[in-house]
Amino acid sequence: MNTLNGYSPDQLQHVARYAEDLAEHKSREARLEEESEDDEIDERPDDLPDDVPSKATITIKEINDNRYYYWQWQEGDKVKSKRGSSAGSP
């Protein structure tokens, strides 16, 4: 904690963004692991691109007031992603 007290506001914002990204990554990994253990096969959503597996989830990132949508799924030990639309919907 004392280390953070010596950081500038800009450095603290970078640390906060990193911590948020890390938390999202760990949550996504846990969710993907849980889904990969699930034996039940869900129906393929209508808006899912052909080259994206049905187990994929949507991740939304907001950068400079713009929303970006990414389909993400796990293949073996790797997390794969494909960018969707940056306008109002995936």
N, C-alpha and C. Protein backbone atom coordinates (compact mmCIF):
# COMPACT_ATOMS: atom_id res chain seq x y z
N MET A 1 0.81 -1.19 0.00
CA MET A 1 0.00 0.00 0.00
C MET A 1 0.86 1.27 0.00
N ASN A 2 1.94 1.26 0.77
CA ASN A 2 2.80 2.43 0.82
C ASN A 2 3.40 2.74 -0.54
N THR A 3 3.68 1.70 -1.31
CA THR A 3 4.24 1.92 -2.65
C THR A 3 3.27 2.70 -3.51
N LEU A 4 1.99 2.35 -3.47
CA LEU A 4 0.99 3.04 -4.27
C LEU A 4 0.83 4.50 -3.85
N ASN A 5 1.01 4.79 -2.58
CA ASN A 5 0.89 6.17 -2.11
C ASN A 5 1.91 7.09 -2.76
N GLY A 6 3.04 6.56 -3.19
CA GLY A 6 4.07 7.37 -3.82
C GLY A 6 3.87 7.56 -5.32
N TYR A 7 2.88 6.89 -5.89
CA TYR A 7 2.65 6.98 -7.34
C TYR A 7 1.93 8.26 -7.71
N SER A 8 2.20 8.72 -8.91
CA SER A 8 1.50 9.90 -9.44
C SER A 8 0.09 9.47 -9.86
N PRO A 9 -0.82 10.44 -10.04
CA PRO A 9 -2.16 10.10 -10.51
C PRO A 9 -2.15 9.32 -11.82
N ASP A 10 -1.24 9.68 -12.72
CA ASP A 10 -1.16 8.98 -14.01
C ASP A 10 -0.74 7.52 -13.80
N GLN A 11 0.25 7.31 -12.94
CA GLN A 11 0.70 5.94 -12.66
C GLN A 11 -0.42 5.13 -12.01
N LEU A 12 -1.15 5.75 -11.11
CA LEU A 12 -2.26 5.05 -10.45
C LEU A 12 -3.35 4.67 -11.44
N GLN A 13 -3.60 5.53 -12.42
CA GLN A 13 -4.60 5.20 -13.45
C GLN A 13 -4.14 4.02 -14.27
N HIS A 14 -2.85 3.94 -14.59
CA HIS A 14 -2.31 2.79 -15.32
C HIS A 14 -2.44 1.51 -14.49
N VAL A 15 -2.13 1.60 -13.21
CA VAL A 15 -2.26 0.44 -12.32
C VAL A 15 -3.72 0.00 -12.25
N ALA A 16 -4.63 0.96 -12.15
CA ALA A 16 -6.06 0.63 -12.07
C ALA A 16 -6.53 -0.05 -13.35
N ARG A 17 -6.11 0.46 -14.50
CA ARG A 17 -6.49 -0.16 -15.79
C ARG A 17 -5.93 -1.57 -15.88
N TYR A 18 -4.68 -1.74 -15.47
CA TYR A 18 -4.06 -3.06 -15.51
C TYR A 18 -4.82 -4.02 -14.59
N ALA A 19 -5.14 -3.57 -13.39
CA ALA A 19 -5.86 -4.42 -12.44
C ALA A 19 -7.24 -4.80 -12.99
N GLU A 20 -7.92 -3.86 -13.63
CA GLU A 20 -9.23 -4.14 -14.22
C GLU A 20 -9.10 -5.15 -15.36
N ASP A 21 -8.12 -4.95 -16.22
CA ASP A 21 -7.90 -5.90 -17.33
C ASP A 21 -7.54 -7.28 -16.80
N LEU A 22 -6.71 -7.33 -15.77
CA LEU A 22 -6.33 -8.61 -15.18
C LEU A 22 -7.54 -9.31 -14.56
N ALA A 23 -8.38 -8.56 -13.87
CA ALA A 23 -9.59 -9.14 -13.28
C ALA A 23 -10.52 -9.68 -14.36
N GLU A 24 -10.69 -8.93 -15.46
CA GLU A 24 -11.52 -9.40 -16.58
C GLU A 24 -10.94 -10.68 -17.17
N HIS A 25 -9.62 -10.70 -17.35
CA HIS A 25 -8.96 -11.87 -17.92
C HIS A 25 -9.17 -13.10 -17.04
N LYS A 26 -8.97 -12.94 -15.74
CA LYS A 26 -9.13 -14.07 -14.82
C LYS A 26 -10.59 -14.52 -14.77
N SER A 27 -11.52 -13.59 -14.78
CA SER A 27 -12.95 -13.96 -14.80
C SER A 27 -13.29 -14.70 -16.08
N ARG A 28 -12.77 -14.21 -17.20
CA ARG A 28 -13.02 -14.85 -18.50
C ARG A 28 -12.43 -16.25 -18.52
N GLU A 29 -11.21 -16.42 -18.00
CA GLU A 29 -10.59 -17.74 -17.95
C GLU A 29 -11.42 -18.70 -17.11
N ALA A 30 -11.88 -18.23 -15.95
CA ALA A 30 -12.70 -19.08 -15.08
C ALA A 30 -14.00 -19.45 -15.78
N ARG A 31 -14.62 -18.48 -16.45
CA ARG A 31 -15.88 -18.74 -17.16
C ARG A 31 -15.66 -19.73 -18.30
N LEU A 32 -14.58 -19.55 -19.05
CA LEU A 32 -14.29 -20.47 -20.15
C LEU A 32 -14.00 -21.87 -19.64
N GLU A 33 -13.28 -21.97 -18.54
CA GLU A 33 -12.99 -23.27 -17.95
C GLU A 33 -14.29 -23.95 -17.51
N GLU A 34 -15.15 -23.19 -16.87
CA GLU A 34 -16.44 -23.73 -16.42
C GLU A 34 -17.27 -24.20 -17.62
N GLU A 35 -17.28 -23.40 -18.67
CA GLU A 35 -18.05 -23.75 -19.86
C GLU A 35 -17.47 -24.96 -20.57
N SER A 36 -16.14 -25.10 -20.57
CA SER A 36 -15.53 -26.24 -21.25
C SER A 36 -15.84 -27.54 -20.51
N GLU A 37 -16.10 -27.45 -19.21
CA GLU A 37 -16.46 -28.63 -18.43
C GLU A 37 -17.93 -28.99 -18.59
N ASP A 38 -18.70 -28.07 -19.10
CA ASP A 38 -20.14 -28.27 -19.27
C ASP A 38 -20.38 -29.20 -20.46
N ASP A 39 -21.03 -30.33 -20.21
CA ASP A 39 -21.28 -31.31 -21.28
C ASP A 39 -22.44 -30.92 -22.17
N GLU A 40 -23.25 -30.01 -21.73
CA GLU A 40 -24.45 -29.62 -22.47
C GLU A 40 -24.07 -28.74 -23.66
N ILE A 41 -24.61 -29.04 -24.83
CA ILE A 41 -24.35 -28.24 -26.03
C ILE A 41 -25.51 -27.28 -26.22
N ASP A 42 -25.20 -26.00 -26.24
CA ASP A 42 -26.23 -24.98 -26.44
C ASP A 42 -26.47 -24.75 -27.92
N GLU A 43 -27.63 -24.19 -28.22
CA GLU A 43 -27.92 -23.82 -29.61
C GLU A 43 -27.01 -22.69 -30.03
N ARG A 44 -26.69 -22.67 -31.30
CA ARG A 44 -25.83 -21.63 -31.85
C ARG A 44 -26.65 -20.35 -32.03
N PRO A 45 -26.21 -19.23 -31.44
CA PRO A 45 -26.94 -17.97 -31.62
C PRO A 45 -26.97 -17.56 -33.09
N ASP A 46 -28.04 -16.90 -33.50
CA ASP A 46 -28.20 -16.47 -34.89
C ASP A 46 -27.13 -15.48 -35.32
N ASP A 47 -26.67 -14.62 -34.39
CA ASP A 47 -25.71 -13.57 -34.77
C ASP A 47 -24.25 -14.01 -34.64
N LEU A 48 -24.02 -15.28 -34.34
CA LEU A 48 -22.66 -15.78 -34.18
C LEU A 48 -22.02 -16.00 -35.55
N PRO A 49 -20.85 -15.40 -35.82
CA PRO A 49 -20.19 -15.60 -37.11
C PRO A 49 -19.87 -17.09 -37.34
N ASP A 50 -19.82 -17.49 -38.61
CA ASP A 50 -19.61 -18.90 -38.96
C ASP A 50 -18.30 -19.46 -38.42
N ASP A 51 -17.25 -18.64 -38.35
CA ASP A 51 -15.95 -19.14 -37.92
C ASP A 51 -15.71 -19.01 -36.41
N VAL A 52 -16.79 -18.76 -35.65
CA VAL A 52 -16.70 -18.64 -34.20
C VAL A 52 -17.49 -19.80 -33.59
N PRO A 53 -16.88 -20.58 -32.67
CA PRO A 53 -17.60 -21.72 -32.08
C PRO A 53 -18.74 -21.28 -31.18
N SER A 54 -19.73 -22.16 -31.01
CA SER A 54 -20.92 -21.81 -30.23
C SER A 54 -20.60 -21.61 -28.75
N LYS A 55 -19.45 -22.09 -28.28
CA LYS A 55 -19.08 -21.90 -26.87
C LYS A 55 -18.50 -20.51 -26.60
N ALA A 56 -18.35 -19.69 -27.64
CA ALA A 56 -17.75 -18.36 -27.50
C ALA A 56 -18.65 -17.44 -26.67
N THR A 57 -18.02 -16.51 -25.99
CA THR A 57 -18.73 -15.49 -25.23
C THR A 57 -18.37 -14.12 -25.79
N ILE A 58 -19.22 -13.16 -25.50
CA ILE A 58 -18.98 -11.77 -25.94
C ILE A 58 -18.27 -11.01 -24.82
N THR A 59 -17.23 -10.30 -25.19
CA THR A 59 -16.55 -9.39 -24.27
C THR A 59 -16.68 -7.99 -24.86
N ILE A 60 -17.04 -7.03 -24.03
CA ILE A 60 -17.22 -5.65 -24.49
C ILE A 60 -16.16 -4.79 -23.81
N LYS A 61 -15.38 -4.09 -24.61
CA LYS A 61 -14.38 -3.15 -24.09
C LYS A 61 -14.79 -1.75 -24.52
N GLU A 62 -14.68 -0.80 -23.61
CA GLU A 62 -14.97 0.59 -23.95
C GLU A 62 -13.67 1.37 -23.90
N ILE A 63 -13.30 1.96 -25.04
CA ILE A 63 -12.08 2.73 -25.16
C ILE A 63 -12.44 4.08 -25.76
N ASN A 64 -12.13 5.15 -25.04
CA ASN A 64 -12.43 6.51 -25.51
C ASN A 64 -13.89 6.65 -25.93
N ASP A 65 -14.79 6.17 -25.09
CA ASP A 65 -16.24 6.25 -25.31
C ASP A 65 -16.72 5.45 -26.53
N ASN A 66 -15.90 4.56 -27.06
CA ASN A 66 -16.31 3.67 -28.15
C ASN A 66 -16.36 2.25 -27.61
N ARG A 67 -17.43 1.54 -27.95
CA ARG A 67 -17.57 0.15 -27.51
C ARG A 67 -17.07 -0.79 -28.60
N TYR A 68 -16.28 -1.77 -28.18
CA TYR A 68 -15.76 -2.78 -29.09
C TYR A 68 -16.20 -4.15 -28.57
N TYR A 69 -16.68 -4.99 -29.47
CA TYR A 69 -17.18 -6.30 -29.12
C TYR A 69 -16.22 -7.37 -29.64
N TYR A 70 -15.93 -8.34 -28.79
CA TYR A 70 -15.04 -9.43 -29.17
C TYR A 70 -15.69 -10.75 -28.79
N TRP A 71 -15.73 -11.69 -29.75
CA TRP A 71 -16.10 -13.06 -29.45
C TRP A 71 -14.85 -13.71 -28.90
N GLN A 72 -14.95 -14.43 -27.77
CA GLN A 72 -13.78 -15.09 -27.20
C GLN A 72 -14.14 -16.52 -26.82
N TRP A 73 -13.18 -17.43 -27.04
CA TRP A 73 -13.37 -18.82 -26.69
C TRP A 73 -12.01 -19.45 -26.43
N GLN A 74 -12.02 -20.62 -25.84
CA GLN A 74 -10.78 -21.30 -25.49
C GLN A 74 -10.57 -22.47 -26.44
N GLU A 75 -9.36 -22.58 -26.95
CA GLU A 75 -8.93 -23.73 -27.75
C GLU A 75 -7.67 -24.27 -27.09
N GLY A 76 -7.80 -25.39 -26.40
CA GLY A 76 -6.67 -25.93 -25.66
C GLY A 76 -6.28 -24.98 -24.54
N ASP A 77 -5.02 -24.58 -24.52
CA ASP A 77 -4.53 -23.65 -23.49
C ASP A 77 -4.60 -22.20 -23.91
N LYS A 78 -5.10 -21.93 -25.11
CA LYS A 78 -5.12 -20.56 -25.64
C LYS A 78 -6.53 -20.00 -25.67
N VAL A 79 -6.63 -18.70 -25.42
CA VAL A 79 -7.89 -17.98 -25.56
C VAL A 79 -7.86 -17.30 -26.92
N LYS A 80 -8.82 -17.63 -27.76
CA LYS A 80 -8.93 -17.06 -29.11
C LYS A 80 -9.98 -15.96 -29.08
N SER A 81 -9.87 -15.02 -29.99
CA SER A 81 -10.87 -13.96 -30.07
C SER A 81 -11.03 -13.49 -31.51
N LYS A 82 -12.21 -12.96 -31.78
CA LYS A 82 -12.50 -12.36 -33.07
C LYS A 82 -13.29 -11.09 -32.79
N ARG A 83 -12.87 -10.02 -33.41
CA ARG A 83 -13.52 -8.74 -33.18
C ARG A 83 -14.86 -8.71 -33.90
N GLY A 84 -15.86 -8.23 -33.20
CA GLY A 84 -17.18 -8.03 -33.79
C GLY A 84 -17.31 -6.58 -34.18
N SER A 85 -18.50 -6.11 -34.23
CA SER A 85 -18.80 -4.74 -34.62
C SER A 85 -18.39 -3.78 -33.52
N SER A 86 -18.06 -2.55 -33.89
CA SER A 86 -17.79 -1.53 -32.88
C SER A 86 -18.98 -0.60 -32.70
N ALA A 87 -20.02 -0.80 -33.49
CA ALA A 87 -21.25 -0.03 -33.35
C ALA A 87 -22.13 -0.72 -32.32
N GLY A 88 -23.30 -0.20 -32.05
CA GLY A 88 -24.20 -0.62 -31.00
C GLY A 88 -24.40 -2.08 -30.71
N SER A 89 -24.09 -3.03 -31.57
CA SER A 89 -24.35 -4.43 -31.28
C SER A 89 -23.24 -5.31 -31.83
N PRO A 90 -23.15 -6.56 -31.33
CA PRO A 90 -22.09 -7.47 -31.77
C PRO A 90 -22.28 -7.88 -33.15
